[in-house]
Full PDB file with SEQRES, HELIX, SHEET, SSBOND, CRYST1, ORIGX, SCALE, CONECT and MASTER records, all heavy atoms in Angstrom:
SEQRES   1 A   42  THR TYR ALA MET GLY TRP PHE ARG GLN VAL SER GLY LYS          
SEQRES   2 A   42  GLU ARG GLU PHE VAL ALA ALA ILE SER ARG ASN SER ALA          
SEQRES   3 A   42  ILE THR ASN TYR GLU ASP SER VAL LYS GLY ARG PHE THR          
SEQRES   4 A   42  ILE SER ARG                                                  
HELIX    1 AA1 ASP A   32  VAL A   34  5                                   3    
SHEET    1 AA1 3 MET A   4  ARG A   8  0                                        
SHEET    2 AA1 3 GLU A  16  ILE A  21 -1                                        
SHEET    3 AA1 3 THR A  28  TYR A  30 -1                                        
CRYST1    1.000    1.000    1.000  90.00  90.00  90.00 P 1           1          
ORIGX1      1.000000  0.000000  0.000000        0.00000                         
ORIGX2      0.000000  1.000000  0.000000        0.00000                         
ORIGX3      0.000000  0.000000  1.000000        0.00000                         
SCALE1      1.000000  0.000000  0.000000        0.00000                         
SCALE2      0.000000  1.000000  0.000000        0.00000                         
SCALE3      0.000000  0.000000  1.000000        0.00000                         
ATOM      1  N   THR A   1     113.652 113.302  83.645  1.00  0.00           N  
ATOM      2  CA  THR A   1     113.190 114.551  84.251  1.00  0.00           C  
ATOM      3  C   THR A   1     111.669 114.583  84.394  1.00  0.00           C  
ATOM      4  O   THR A   1     111.101 115.610  84.768  1.00  0.00           O  
ATOM      5  CB  THR A   1     113.640 115.773  83.438  1.00  0.00           C  
ATOM      6  OG1 THR A   1     113.036 115.720  82.132  1.00  0.00           O  
ATOM      7  CG2 THR A   1     115.153 115.817  83.301  1.00  0.00           C  
ATOM      8  N   TYR A   2     111.022 113.472  84.108  1.00  0.00           N  
ATOM      9  CA  TYR A   2     109.572 113.379  84.201  1.00  0.00           C  
ATOM     10  C   TYR A   2     109.170 112.298  85.205  1.00  0.00           C  
ATOM     11  O   TYR A   2     109.725 111.188  85.175  1.00  0.00           O  
ATOM     12  CB  TYR A   2     108.952 113.029  82.854  1.00  0.00           C  
ATOM     13  CG  TYR A   2     108.884 114.171  81.882  1.00  0.00           C  
ATOM     14  CD1 TYR A   2     110.036 114.719  81.321  1.00  0.00           C  
ATOM     15  CD2 TYR A   2     107.651 114.710  81.511  1.00  0.00           C  
ATOM     16  CE1 TYR A   2     109.964 115.768  80.424  1.00  0.00           C  
ATOM     17  CE2 TYR A   2     107.566 115.758  80.612  1.00  0.00           C  
ATOM     18  CZ  TYR A   2     108.727 116.287  80.073  1.00  0.00           C  
ATOM     19  OH  TYR A   2     108.655 117.325  79.185  1.00  0.00           O  
ATOM     20  N   ALA A   3     108.187 112.619  86.045  1.00  0.00           N  
ATOM     21  CA  ALA A   3     107.498 111.566  86.777  1.00  0.00           C  
ATOM     22  C   ALA A   3     106.648 110.788  85.773  1.00  0.00           C  
ATOM     23  O   ALA A   3     106.260 111.323  84.730  1.00  0.00           O  
ATOM     24  CB  ALA A   3     106.623 112.166  87.862  1.00  0.00           C  
ATOM     25  N   MET A   4     106.364 109.542  86.103  1.00  0.00           N  
ATOM     26  CA  MET A   4     105.584 108.701  85.192  1.00  0.00           C  
ATOM     27  C   MET A   4     104.381 108.115  85.930  1.00  0.00           C  
ATOM     28  O   MET A   4     104.457 107.797  87.122  1.00  0.00           O  
ATOM     29  CB  MET A   4     106.441 107.580  84.641  1.00  0.00           C  
ATOM     30  CG  MET A   4     107.603 108.041  83.774  1.00  0.00           C  
ATOM     31  SD  MET A   4     107.087 108.940  82.292  1.00  0.00           S  
ATOM     32  CE  MET A   4     106.191 107.656  81.414  1.00  0.00           C  
ATOM     33  N   GLY A   5     103.308 107.960  85.189  1.00  0.00           N  
ATOM     34  CA  GLY A   5     102.104 107.403  85.795  1.00  0.00           C  
ATOM     35  C   GLY A   5     101.430 106.398  84.887  1.00  0.00           C  
ATOM     36  O   GLY A   5     101.675 106.364  83.676  1.00  0.00           O  
ATOM     37  N   TRP A   6     100.616 105.556  85.508  1.00  0.00           N  
ATOM     38  CA  TRP A   6      99.729 104.647  84.791  1.00  0.00           C  
ATOM     39  C   TRP A   6      98.292 105.011  85.171  1.00  0.00           C  
ATOM     40  O   TRP A   6      97.988 105.231  86.352  1.00  0.00           O  
ATOM     41  CB  TRP A   6     100.004 103.192  85.160  1.00  0.00           C  
ATOM     42  CG  TRP A   6     101.240 102.624  84.553  1.00  0.00           C  
ATOM     43  CD1 TRP A   6     102.472 102.535  85.132  1.00  0.00           C  
ATOM     44  CD2 TRP A   6     101.367 102.045  83.249  1.00  0.00           C  
ATOM     45  NE1 TRP A   6     103.359 101.952  84.273  1.00  0.00           N  
ATOM     46  CE2 TRP A   6     102.712 101.641  83.102  1.00  0.00           C  
ATOM     47  CE3 TRP A   6     100.493 101.827  82.188  1.00  0.00           C  
ATOM     48  CZ2 TRP A   6     103.190 101.028  81.946  1.00  0.00           C  
ATOM     49  CZ3 TRP A   6     100.967 101.231  81.035  1.00  0.00           C  
ATOM     50  CH2 TRP A   6     102.304 100.834  80.920  1.00  0.00           C  
ATOM     51  N   PHE A   7      97.457 105.050  84.162  1.00  0.00           N  
ATOM     52  CA  PHE A   7      96.036 105.303  84.341  1.00  0.00           C  
ATOM     53  C   PHE A   7      95.268 104.221  83.607  1.00  0.00           C  
ATOM     54  O   PHE A   7      95.834 103.508  82.767  1.00  0.00           O  
ATOM     55  CB  PHE A   7      95.665 106.683  83.771  1.00  0.00           C  
ATOM     56  CG  PHE A   7      96.298 107.829  84.508  1.00  0.00           C  
ATOM     57  CD1 PHE A   7      97.623 108.168  84.292  1.00  0.00           C  
ATOM     58  CD2 PHE A   7      95.572 108.552  85.436  1.00  0.00           C  
ATOM     59  CE1 PHE A   7      98.222 109.221  84.987  1.00  0.00           C  
ATOM     60  CE2 PHE A   7      96.149 109.605  86.131  1.00  0.00           C  
ATOM     61  CZ  PHE A   7      97.471 109.932  85.908  1.00  0.00           C  
ATOM     62  N   ARG A   8      93.991 104.110  83.912  1.00  0.00           N  
ATOM     63  CA  ARG A   8      93.153 103.158  83.178  1.00  0.00           C  
ATOM     64  C   ARG A   8      91.786 103.762  82.939  1.00  0.00           C  
ATOM     65  O   ARG A   8      91.338 104.650  83.677  1.00  0.00           O  
ATOM     66  CB  ARG A   8      93.046 101.835  83.926  1.00  0.00           C  
ATOM     67  CG  ARG A   8      92.369 101.903  85.280  1.00  0.00           C  
ATOM     68  CD  ARG A   8      92.498 100.568  85.995  1.00  0.00           C  
ATOM     69  NE  ARG A   8      91.890 100.598  87.315  1.00  0.00           N  
ATOM     70  CZ  ARG A   8      91.984  99.607  88.198  1.00  0.00           C  
ATOM     71  NH1 ARG A   8      92.675  98.502  87.917  1.00  0.00           N  
ATOM     72  NH2 ARG A   8      91.373  99.705  89.375  1.00  0.00           N  
ATOM     73  N   GLN A   9      91.143 103.237  81.909  1.00  0.00           N  
ATOM     74  CA  GLN A   9      89.838 103.764  81.539  1.00  0.00           C  
ATOM     75  C   GLN A   9      88.947 102.669  80.991  1.00  0.00           C  
ATOM     76  O   GLN A   9      89.364 101.892  80.131  1.00  0.00           O  
ATOM     77  CB  GLN A   9      89.993 104.881  80.504  1.00  0.00           C  
ATOM     78  CG  GLN A   9      88.717 105.633  80.212  1.00  0.00           C  
ATOM     79  CD  GLN A   9      88.973 106.882  79.391  1.00  0.00           C  
ATOM     80  OE1 GLN A   9      89.975 107.006  78.692  1.00  0.00           O  
ATOM     81  NE2 GLN A   9      88.050 107.845  79.476  1.00  0.00           N  
ATOM     82  N   VAL A  10      87.741 102.636  81.502  1.00  0.00           N  
ATOM     83  CA  VAL A  10      86.694 101.767  81.000  1.00  0.00           C  
ATOM     84  C   VAL A  10      85.786 102.617  80.130  1.00  0.00           C  
ATOM     85  O   VAL A  10      85.497 103.767  80.454  1.00  0.00           O  
ATOM     86  CB  VAL A  10      85.919 101.122  82.164  1.00  0.00           C  
ATOM     87  CG1 VAL A  10      84.745 100.315  81.637  1.00  0.00           C  
ATOM     88  CG2 VAL A  10      86.839 100.270  83.006  1.00  0.00           C  
ATOM     89  N   SER A  11      85.337 102.041  79.039  1.00  0.00           N  
ATOM     90  CA  SER A  11      84.488 102.782  78.108  1.00  0.00           C  
ATOM     91  C   SER A  11      83.307 103.418  78.824  1.00  0.00           C  
ATOM     92  O   SER A  11      82.600 102.749  79.594  1.00  0.00           O  
ATOM     93  CB  SER A  11      83.994 101.838  77.013  1.00  0.00           C  
ATOM     94  OG  SER A  11      83.181 102.541  76.104  1.00  0.00           O  
ATOM     95  N   GLY A  12      83.113 104.708  78.614  1.00  0.00           N  
ATOM     96  CA  GLY A  12      82.007 105.415  79.231  1.00  0.00           C  
ATOM     97  C   GLY A  12      82.302 105.979  80.601  1.00  0.00           C  
ATOM     98  O   GLY A  12      81.452 106.650  81.188  1.00  0.00           O  
ATOM     99  N   LYS A  13      83.510 105.712  81.100  1.00  0.00           N  
ATOM    100  CA  LYS A  13      83.890 106.228  82.418  1.00  0.00           C  
ATOM    101  C   LYS A  13      85.122 107.115  82.293  1.00  0.00           C  
ATOM    102  O   LYS A  13      85.816 107.095  81.295  1.00  0.00           O  
ATOM    103  CB  LYS A  13      84.166 105.069  83.376  1.00  0.00           C  
ATOM    104  CG  LYS A  13      82.955 104.226  83.685  1.00  0.00           C  
ATOM    105  CD  LYS A  13      83.249 103.238  84.804  1.00  0.00           C  
ATOM    106  CE  LYS A  13      82.013 102.456  85.183  1.00  0.00           C  
ATOM    107  NZ  LYS A  13      82.280 101.505  86.303  1.00  0.00           N  
ATOM    108  N   GLU A  14      85.361 107.887  83.344  1.00  0.00           N  
ATOM    109  CA  GLU A  14      86.530 108.765  83.343  1.00  0.00           C  
ATOM    110  C   GLU A  14      87.812 107.956  83.512  1.00  0.00           C  
ATOM    111  O   GLU A  14      87.811 106.883  84.116  1.00  0.00           O  
ATOM    112  CB  GLU A  14      86.407 109.789  84.480  1.00  0.00           C  
ATOM    113  CG  GLU A  14      85.313 110.825  84.241  1.00  0.00           C  
ATOM    114  CD  GLU A  14      85.368 111.939  85.266  1.00  0.00           C  
ATOM    115  OE1 GLU A  14      86.179 111.842  86.207  1.00  0.00           O  
ATOM    116  OE2 GLU A  14      84.590 112.896  85.126  1.00  0.00           O  
ATOM    117  N   ARG A  15      88.883 108.529  83.004  1.00  0.00           N  
ATOM    118  CA  ARG A  15      90.188 107.911  83.190  1.00  0.00           C  
ATOM    119  C   ARG A  15      90.567 108.004  84.659  1.00  0.00           C  
ATOM    120  O   ARG A  15      90.437 109.064  85.272  1.00  0.00           O  
ATOM    121  CB  ARG A  15      91.216 108.627  82.317  1.00  0.00           C  
ATOM    122  CG  ARG A  15      92.527 107.937  82.173  1.00  0.00           C  
ATOM    123  CD  ARG A  15      93.333 108.517  81.044  1.00  0.00           C  
ATOM    124  NE  ARG A  15      92.667 108.346  79.756  1.00  0.00           N  
ATOM    125  CZ  ARG A  15      93.241 108.623  78.584  1.00  0.00           C  
ATOM    126  NH1 ARG A  15      94.472 109.091  78.549  1.00  0.00           N  
ATOM    127  NH2 ARG A  15      92.580 108.447  77.462  1.00  0.00           N  
ATOM    128  N   GLU A  16      91.049 106.903  85.231  1.00  0.00           N  
ATOM    129  CA  GLU A  16      91.375 106.904  86.650  1.00  0.00           C  
ATOM    130  C   GLU A  16      92.847 106.577  86.885  1.00  0.00           C  
ATOM    131  O   GLU A  16      93.471 105.822  86.146  1.00  0.00           O  
ATOM    132  CB  GLU A  16      90.490 105.916  87.425  1.00  0.00           C  
ATOM    133  CG  GLU A  16      90.763 104.463  87.195  1.00  0.00           C  
ATOM    134  CD  GLU A  16      90.060 103.557  88.219  1.00  0.00           C  
ATOM    135  OE1 GLU A  16      89.465 104.050  89.199  1.00  0.00           O  
ATOM    136  OE2 GLU A  16      90.142 102.332  88.031  1.00  0.00           O  
ATOM    137  N   PHE A  17      93.332 107.166  87.955  1.00  0.00           N  
ATOM    138  CA  PHE A  17      94.719 106.965  88.377  1.00  0.00           C  
ATOM    139  C   PHE A  17      94.936 105.540  88.858  1.00  0.00           C  
ATOM    140  O   PHE A  17      94.087 104.980  89.555  1.00  0.00           O  
ATOM    141  CB  PHE A  17      95.040 107.949  89.499  1.00  0.00           C  
ATOM    142  CG  PHE A  17      96.360 107.724  90.165  1.00  0.00           C  
ATOM    143  CD1 PHE A  17      97.535 108.146  89.578  1.00  0.00           C  
ATOM    144  CD2 PHE A  17      96.422 107.089  91.396  1.00  0.00           C  
ATOM    145  CE1 PHE A  17      98.754 107.946  90.203  1.00  0.00           C  
ATOM    146  CE2 PHE A  17      97.628 106.879  92.033  1.00  0.00           C  
ATOM    147  CZ  PHE A  17      98.799 107.311  91.432  1.00  0.00           C  
ATOM    148  N   VAL A  18      96.079 104.961  88.498  1.00  0.00           N  
ATOM    149  CA  VAL A  18      96.450 103.635  88.978  1.00  0.00           C  
ATOM    150  C   VAL A  18      97.711 103.715  89.846  1.00  0.00           C  
ATOM    151  O   VAL A  18      97.721 103.258  90.985  1.00  0.00           O  
ATOM    152  CB  VAL A  18      96.679 102.656  87.813  1.00  0.00           C  
ATOM    153  CG1 VAL A  18      97.178 101.313  88.330  1.00  0.00           C  
ATOM    154  CG2 VAL A  18      95.415 102.490  86.991  1.00  0.00           C  
ATOM    155  N   ALA A  19      98.763 104.295  89.287  1.00  0.00           N  
ATOM    156  CA  ALA A  19     100.031 104.347  90.011  1.00  0.00           C  
ATOM    157  C   ALA A  19     100.914 105.425  89.401  1.00  0.00           C  
ATOM    158  O   ALA A  19     100.749 105.779  88.225  1.00  0.00           O  
ATOM    159  CB  ALA A  19     100.743 103.001  89.962  1.00  0.00           C  
ATOM    160  N   ALA A  20     101.855 105.928  90.199  1.00  0.00           N  
ATOM    161  CA  ALA A  20     102.820 106.902  89.703  1.00  0.00           C  
ATOM    162  C   ALA A  20     104.150 106.681  90.398  1.00  0.00           C  
ATOM    163  O   ALA A  20     104.202 106.137  91.512  1.00  0.00           O  
ATOM    164  CB  ALA A  20     102.334 108.331  89.933  1.00  0.00           C  
ATOM    165  N   ILE A  21     105.205 107.119  89.734  1.00  0.00           N  
ATOM    166  CA  ILE A  21     106.555 106.973  90.278  1.00  0.00           C  
ATOM    167  C   ILE A  21     107.328 108.245  90.011  1.00  0.00           C  
ATOM    168  O   ILE A  21     107.216 108.854  88.939  1.00  0.00           O  
ATOM    169  CB  ILE A  21     107.249 105.730  89.664  1.00  0.00           C  
ATOM    170  CG1 ILE A  21     108.592 105.450  90.345  1.00  0.00           C  
ATOM    171  CG2 ILE A  21     107.412 105.869  88.148  1.00  0.00           C  
ATOM    172  CD1 ILE A  21     109.146 104.062  89.994  1.00  0.00           C  
ATOM    173  N   SER A  22     108.093 108.674  90.997  1.00  0.00           N  
ATOM    174  CA  SER A  22     108.856 109.908  90.860  1.00  0.00           C  
ATOM    175  C   SER A  22     110.025 109.715  89.897  1.00  0.00           C  
ATOM    176  O   SER A  22     110.367 108.597  89.499  1.00  0.00           O  
ATOM    177  CB  SER A  22     109.366 110.351  92.227  1.00  0.00           C  
ATOM    178  OG  SER A  22     110.246 109.392  92.769  1.00  0.00           O  
ATOM    179  N   ARG A  23     110.638 110.842  89.551  1.00  0.00           N  
ATOM    180  CA  ARG A  23     111.723 110.819  88.566  1.00  0.00           C  
ATOM    181  C   ARG A  23     112.833 109.850  88.931  1.00  0.00           C  
ATOM    182  O   ARG A  23     113.407 109.195  88.071  1.00  0.00           O  
ATOM    183  CB  ARG A  23     112.352 112.209  88.474  1.00  0.00           C  
ATOM    184  CG  ARG A  23     111.484 113.305  88.002  1.00  0.00           C  
ATOM    185  CD  ARG A  23     112.326 114.557  87.957  1.00  0.00           C  
ATOM    186  NE  ARG A  23     111.571 115.761  88.128  1.00  0.00           N  
ATOM    187  CZ  ARG A  23     112.119 116.954  88.323  1.00  0.00           C  
ATOM    188  NH1 ARG A  23     113.431 117.069  88.388  1.00  0.00           N  
ATOM    189  NH2 ARG A  23     111.378 118.005  88.452  1.00  0.00           N  
ATOM    190  N   ASN A  24     113.150 109.823  90.235  1.00  0.00           N  
ATOM    191  CA  ASN A  24     114.297 109.033  90.679  1.00  0.00           C  
ATOM    192  C   ASN A  24     113.882 107.708  91.321  1.00  0.00           C  
ATOM    193  O   ASN A  24     114.697 107.058  91.964  1.00  0.00           O  
ATOM    194  CB  ASN A  24     115.131 109.848  91.672  1.00  0.00           C  
ATOM    195  CG  ASN A  24     114.325 110.263  92.891  1.00  0.00           C  
ATOM    196  OD1 ASN A  24     113.160 109.919  93.011  1.00  0.00           O  
ATOM    197  ND2 ASN A  24     114.947 110.988  93.804  1.00  0.00           N  
ATOM    198  N   SER A  25     112.623 107.335  91.150  1.00  0.00           N  
ATOM    199  CA  SER A  25     112.050 106.089  91.684  1.00  0.00           C  
ATOM    200  C   SER A  25     111.939 106.065  93.205  1.00  0.00           C  
ATOM    201  O   SER A  25     111.546 105.042  93.769  1.00  0.00           O  
ATOM    202  CB  SER A  25     112.875 104.858  91.241  1.00  0.00           C  
ATOM    203  OG  SER A  25     112.933 104.761  89.845  1.00  0.00           O  
ATOM    204  N   ALA A  26     112.261 107.157  93.870  1.00  0.00           N  
ATOM    205  CA  ALA A  26     112.244 107.156  95.334  1.00  0.00           C  
ATOM    206  C   ALA A  26     110.832 107.068  95.905  1.00  0.00           C  
ATOM    207  O   ALA A  26     110.635 106.526  96.993  1.00  0.00           O  
ATOM    208  CB  ALA A  26     112.936 108.413  95.846  1.00  0.00           C  
ATOM    209  N   ILE A  27     109.875 107.624  95.191  1.00  0.00           N  
ATOM    210  CA  ILE A  27     108.502 107.683  95.695  1.00  0.00           C  
ATOM    211  C   ILE A  27     107.560 107.007  94.699  1.00  0.00           C  
ATOM    212  O   ILE A  27     107.667 107.234  93.492  1.00  0.00           O  
ATOM    213  CB  ILE A  27     108.047 109.142  95.888  1.00  0.00           C  
ATOM    214  CG1 ILE A  27     109.006 109.895  96.813  1.00  0.00           C  
ATOM    215  CG2 ILE A  27     106.624 109.190  96.425  1.00  0.00           C  
ATOM    216  CD1 ILE A  27     109.046 109.354  98.226  1.00  0.00           C  
ATOM    217  N   THR A  28     106.665 106.179  95.223  1.00  0.00           N  
ATOM    218  CA  THR A  28     105.590 105.604  94.416  1.00  0.00           C  
ATOM    219  C   THR A  28     104.257 105.893  95.090  1.00  0.00           C  
ATOM    220  O   THR A  28     104.184 106.131  96.292  1.00  0.00           O  
ATOM    221  CB  THR A  28     105.762 104.087  94.241  1.00  0.00           C  
ATOM    222  OG1 THR A  28     105.838 103.468  95.528  1.00  0.00           O  
ATOM    223  CG2 THR A  28     107.014 103.767  93.443  1.00  0.00           C  
ATOM    224  N   ASN A  29     103.221 105.861  94.280  1.00  0.00           N  
ATOM    225  CA  ASN A  29     101.889 106.231  94.742  1.00  0.00           C  
ATOM    226  C   ASN A  29     100.895 105.314  94.038  1.00  0.00           C  
ATOM    227  O   ASN A  29     101.004 105.108  92.825  1.00  0.00           O  
ATOM    228  CB  ASN A  29     101.640 107.694  94.366  1.00  0.00           C  
ATOM    229  CG  ASN A  29     100.437 108.306  95.032  1.00  0.00           C  
ATOM    230  OD1 ASN A  29      99.706 107.643  95.748  1.00  0.00           O  
ATOM    231  ND2 ASN A  29     100.241 109.594  94.810  1.00  0.00           N  
ATOM    232  N   TYR A  30      99.955 104.748  94.799  1.00  0.00           N  
ATOM    233  CA  TYR A  30      99.026 103.780  94.220  1.00  0.00           C  
ATOM    234  C   TYR A  30      97.589 104.122  94.578  1.00  0.00           C  
ATOM    235  O   TYR A  30      97.302 104.597  95.681  1.00  0.00           O  
ATOM    236  CB  TYR A  30      99.321 102.366  94.731  1.00  0.00           C  
ATOM    237  CG  TYR A  30     100.659 101.828  94.309  1.00  0.00           C  
ATOM    238  CD1 TYR A  30     101.773 101.961  95.127  1.00  0.00           C  
ATOM    239  CD2 TYR A  30     100.810 101.183  93.082  1.00  0.00           C  
ATOM    240  CE1 TYR A  30     103.011 101.476  94.741  1.00  0.00           C  
ATOM    241  CE2 TYR A  30     102.041 100.689  92.687  1.00  0.00           C  
ATOM    242  CZ  TYR A  30     103.128 100.845  93.516  1.00  0.00           C  
ATOM    243  OH  TYR A  30     104.354 100.352  93.118  1.00  0.00           O  
ATOM    244  N   GLU A  31      96.722 103.803  93.664  1.00  0.00           N  
ATOM    245  CA  GLU A  31      95.298 103.854  93.960  1.00  0.00           C  
ATOM    246  C   GLU A  31      94.995 102.714  94.933  1.00  0.00           C  
ATOM    247  O   GLU A  31      95.603 101.634  94.862  1.00  0.00           O  
ATOM    248  CB  GLU A  31      94.526 103.704  92.653  1.00  0.00           C  
ATOM    249  CG  GLU A  31      93.045 104.023  92.734  1.00  0.00           C  
ATOM    250  CD  GLU A  31      92.198 102.824  93.082  1.00  0.00           C  
ATOM    251  OE1 GLU A  31      92.582 101.706  92.714  1.00  0.00           O  
ATOM    252  OE2 GLU A  31      91.151 103.005  93.738  1.00  0.00           O  
ATOM    253  N   ASP A  32      94.071 102.955  95.855  1.00  0.00           N  
ATOM    254  CA  ASP A  32      93.862 102.011  96.957  1.00  0.00           C  
ATOM    255  C   ASP A  32      93.544 100.594  96.481  1.00  0.00           C  
ATOM    256  O   ASP A  32      94.008  99.614  97.079  1.00  0.00           O  
ATOM    257  CB  ASP A  32      92.732 102.505  97.855  1.00  0.00           C  
ATOM    258  CG  ASP A  32      93.170 103.647  98.759  1.00  0.00           C  
ATOM    259  OD1 ASP A  32      94.391 103.914  98.846  1.00  0.00           O  
ATOM    260  OD2 ASP A  32      92.294 104.295  99.358  1.00  0.00           O  
ATOM    261  N   SER A  33      92.764 100.448  95.422  1.00  0.00           N  
ATOM    262  CA  SER A  33      92.318  99.113  95.015  1.00  0.00           C  
ATOM    263  C   SER A  33      93.433  98.262  94.420  1.00  0.00           C  
ATOM    264  O   SER A  33      93.270  97.051  94.282  1.00  0.00           O  
ATOM    265  CB  SER A  33      91.171  99.220  94.016  1.00  0.00           C  
ATOM    266  OG  SER A  33      91.632  99.722  92.774  1.00  0.00           O  
ATOM    267  N   VAL A  34      94.571  98.869  94.089  1.00  0.00           N  
ATOM    268  CA  VAL A  34      95.670  98.095  93.501  1.00  0.00           C  
ATOM    269  C   VAL A  34      96.853  97.944  94.445  1.00  0.00           C  
ATOM    270  O   VAL A  34      97.804  97.220  94.130  1.00  0.00           O  
ATOM    271  CB  VAL A  34      96.148  98.713  92.161  1.00  0.00           C  
ATOM    272  CG1 VAL A  34      94.979  98.926  91.218  1.00  0.00           C  
ATOM    273  CG2 VAL A  34      96.935  99.990  92.370  1.00  0.00           C  
ATOM    274  N   LYS A  35      96.795  98.610  95.589  1.00  0.00           N  
ATOM    275  CA  LYS A  35      97.899  98.507  96.556  1.00  0.00           C  
ATOM    276  C   LYS A  35      98.114  97.061  96.959  1.00  0.00           C  
ATOM    277  O   LYS A  35      97.166  96.338  97.263  1.00  0.00           O  
ATOM    278  CB  LYS A  35      97.600  99.345  97.795  1.00  0.00           C  
ATOM    279  CG  LYS A  35      97.858 100.819  97.628  1.00  0.00           C  
ATOM    280  CD  LYS A  35      97.553 101.568  98.908  1.00  0.00           C  
ATOM    281  CE  LYS A  35      97.740 103.054  98.732  1.00  0.00           C  
ATOM    282  NZ  LYS A  35      97.369 103.815  99.946  1.00  0.00           N  
ATOM    283  N   GLY A  36      99.369  96.635  96.971  1.00  0.00           N  
ATOM    284  CA  GLY A  36      99.706  95.264  97.331  1.00  0.00           C  
ATOM    285  C   GLY A  36      99.602  94.284  96.183  1.00  0.00           C  
ATOM    286  O   GLY A  36     100.051  93.145  96.297  1.00  0.00           O  
ATOM    287  N   ARG A  37      98.991  94.692  95.065  1.00  0.00           N  
ATOM    288  CA  ARG A  37      98.873  93.813  93.895  1.00  0.00           C  
ATOM    289  C   ARG A  37      99.693  94.333  92.714  1.00  0.00           C  
ATOM    290  O   ARG A  37     100.242  93.545  91.955  1.00  0.00           O  
ATOM    291  CB  ARG A  37      97.408  93.705  93.471  1.00  0.00           C  
ATOM    292  CG  ARG A  37      96.503  93.111  94.522  1.00  0.00           C  
ATOM    293  CD  ARG A  37      95.120  92.810  93.968  1.00  0.00           C  
ATOM    294  NE  ARG A  37      94.434  94.019  93.500  1.00  0.00           N  
ATOM    295  CZ  ARG A  37      93.981  94.172  92.244  1.00  0.00           C  
ATOM    296  NH1 ARG A  37      94.155  93.224  91.356  1.00  0.00           N  
ATOM    297  NH2 ARG A  37      93.359  95.283  91.906  1.00  0.00           N  
ATOM    298  N   PHE A  38      99.751  95.644  92.542  1.00  0.00           N  
ATOM    299  CA  PHE A  38     100.456  96.254  91.412  1.00  0.00           C  
ATOM    300  C   PHE A  38     101.744  96.915  91.911  1.00  0.00           C  
ATOM    301  O   PHE A  38     101.794  97.446  93.016  1.00  0.00           O  
ATOM    302  CB  PHE A  38      99.598  97.323  90.748  1.00  0.00           C  
ATOM    303  CG  PHE A  38      98.398  96.817  89.996  1.00  0.00           C  
ATOM    304  CD1 PHE A  38      97.942  95.510  90.105  1.00  0.00           C  
ATOM    305  CD2 PHE A  38      97.688  97.676  89.172  1.00  0.00           C  
ATOM    306  CE1 PHE A  38      96.844  95.050  89.422  1.00  0.00           C  
ATOM    307  CE2 PHE A  38      96.571  97.252  88.468  1.00  0.00           C  
ATOM    308  CZ  PHE A  38      96.156  95.935  88.604  1.00  0.00           C  
ATOM    309  N   THR A  39     102.754  96.892  91.049  1.00  0.00           N  
ATOM    310  CA  THR A  39     104.017  97.561  91.350  1.00  0.00           C  
ATOM    311  C   THR A  39     104.474  98.353  90.134  1.00  0.00           C  
ATOM    312  O   THR A  39     104.612  97.791  89.047  1.00  0.00           O  
ATOM    313  CB  THR A  39     105.102  96.551  91.737  1.00  0.00           C  
ATOM    314  OG1 THR A  39     104.666  95.783  92.862  1.00  0.00           O  
ATOM    315  CG2 THR A  39     106.399  97.271  92.097  1.00  0.00           C  
ATOM    316  N   ILE A  40     104.704  99.641  90.345  1.00  0.00           N  
ATOM    317  CA  ILE A  40     105.247 100.481  89.277  1.00  0.00           C  
ATOM    318  C   ILE A  40     106.750 100.599  89.460  1.00  0.00           C  
ATOM    319  O   ILE A  40     107.254 100.678  90.589  1.00  0.00           O  
ATOM    320  CB  ILE A  40     104.573 101.869  89.271  1.00  0.00           C  
ATOM    321  CG1 ILE A  40     105.001 102.667  88.042  1.00  0.00           C  
ATOM    322  CG2 ILE A  40     104.834 102.634  90.563  1.00  0.00           C  
ATOM    323  CD1 ILE A  40     104.196 103.958  87.841  1.00  0.00           C  
ATOM    324  N   SER A  41     107.471 100.583  88.352  1.00  0.00           N  
ATOM    325  CA  SER A  41     108.919 100.750  88.392  1.00  0.00           C  
ATOM    326  C   SER A  41     109.360 101.426  87.099  1.00  0.00           C  
ATOM    327  O   SER A  41     108.580 101.538  86.151  1.00  0.00           O  
ATOM    328  CB  SER A  41     109.616  99.397  88.567  1.00  0.00           C  
ATOM    329  OG  SER A  41     109.336  98.549  87.477  1.00  0.00           O  
ATOM    330  N   ARG A  42     110.600 101.876  87.091  1.00  0.00           N  
ATOM    331  CA  ARG A  42     111.116 102.534  85.896  1.00  0.00           C  
ATOM    332  C   ARG A  42     112.590 102.220  85.736  1.00  0.00           C  
ATOM    333  O   ARG A  42     113.303 101.968  86.719  1.00  0.00           O  
ATOM    334  CB  ARG A  42     110.896 104.040  85.957  1.00  0.00           C  
ATOM    335  CG  ARG A  42     111.636 104.763  87.067  1.00  0.00           C  
ATOM    336  CD  ARG A  42     111.180 106.215  87.186  1.00  0.00           C  
ATOM    337  NE  ARG A  42     111.552 106.989  86.013  1.00  0.00           N  
ATOM    338  CZ  ARG A  42     111.005 108.164  85.722  1.00  0.00           C  
ATOM    339  NH1 ARG A  42     110.050 108.682  86.485  1.00  0.00           N  
ATOM    340  NH2 ARG A  42     111.416 108.828  84.650  1.00  0.00           N  
TER     341      ARG A  42                                                      
MASTER        0    0    0    1    3    0    0    6  340    1    0    4          
END                                                                             
């Protein structure tokens, strides 16, 4: 019942979005710099 996301953080910087996936895996969302390289799944 929860969407899931991955974020990353470098020391001294804000936490940034990497990828997210909807509850039923139908929709995924990626930060531009990781598109085509990273894949989120559940």
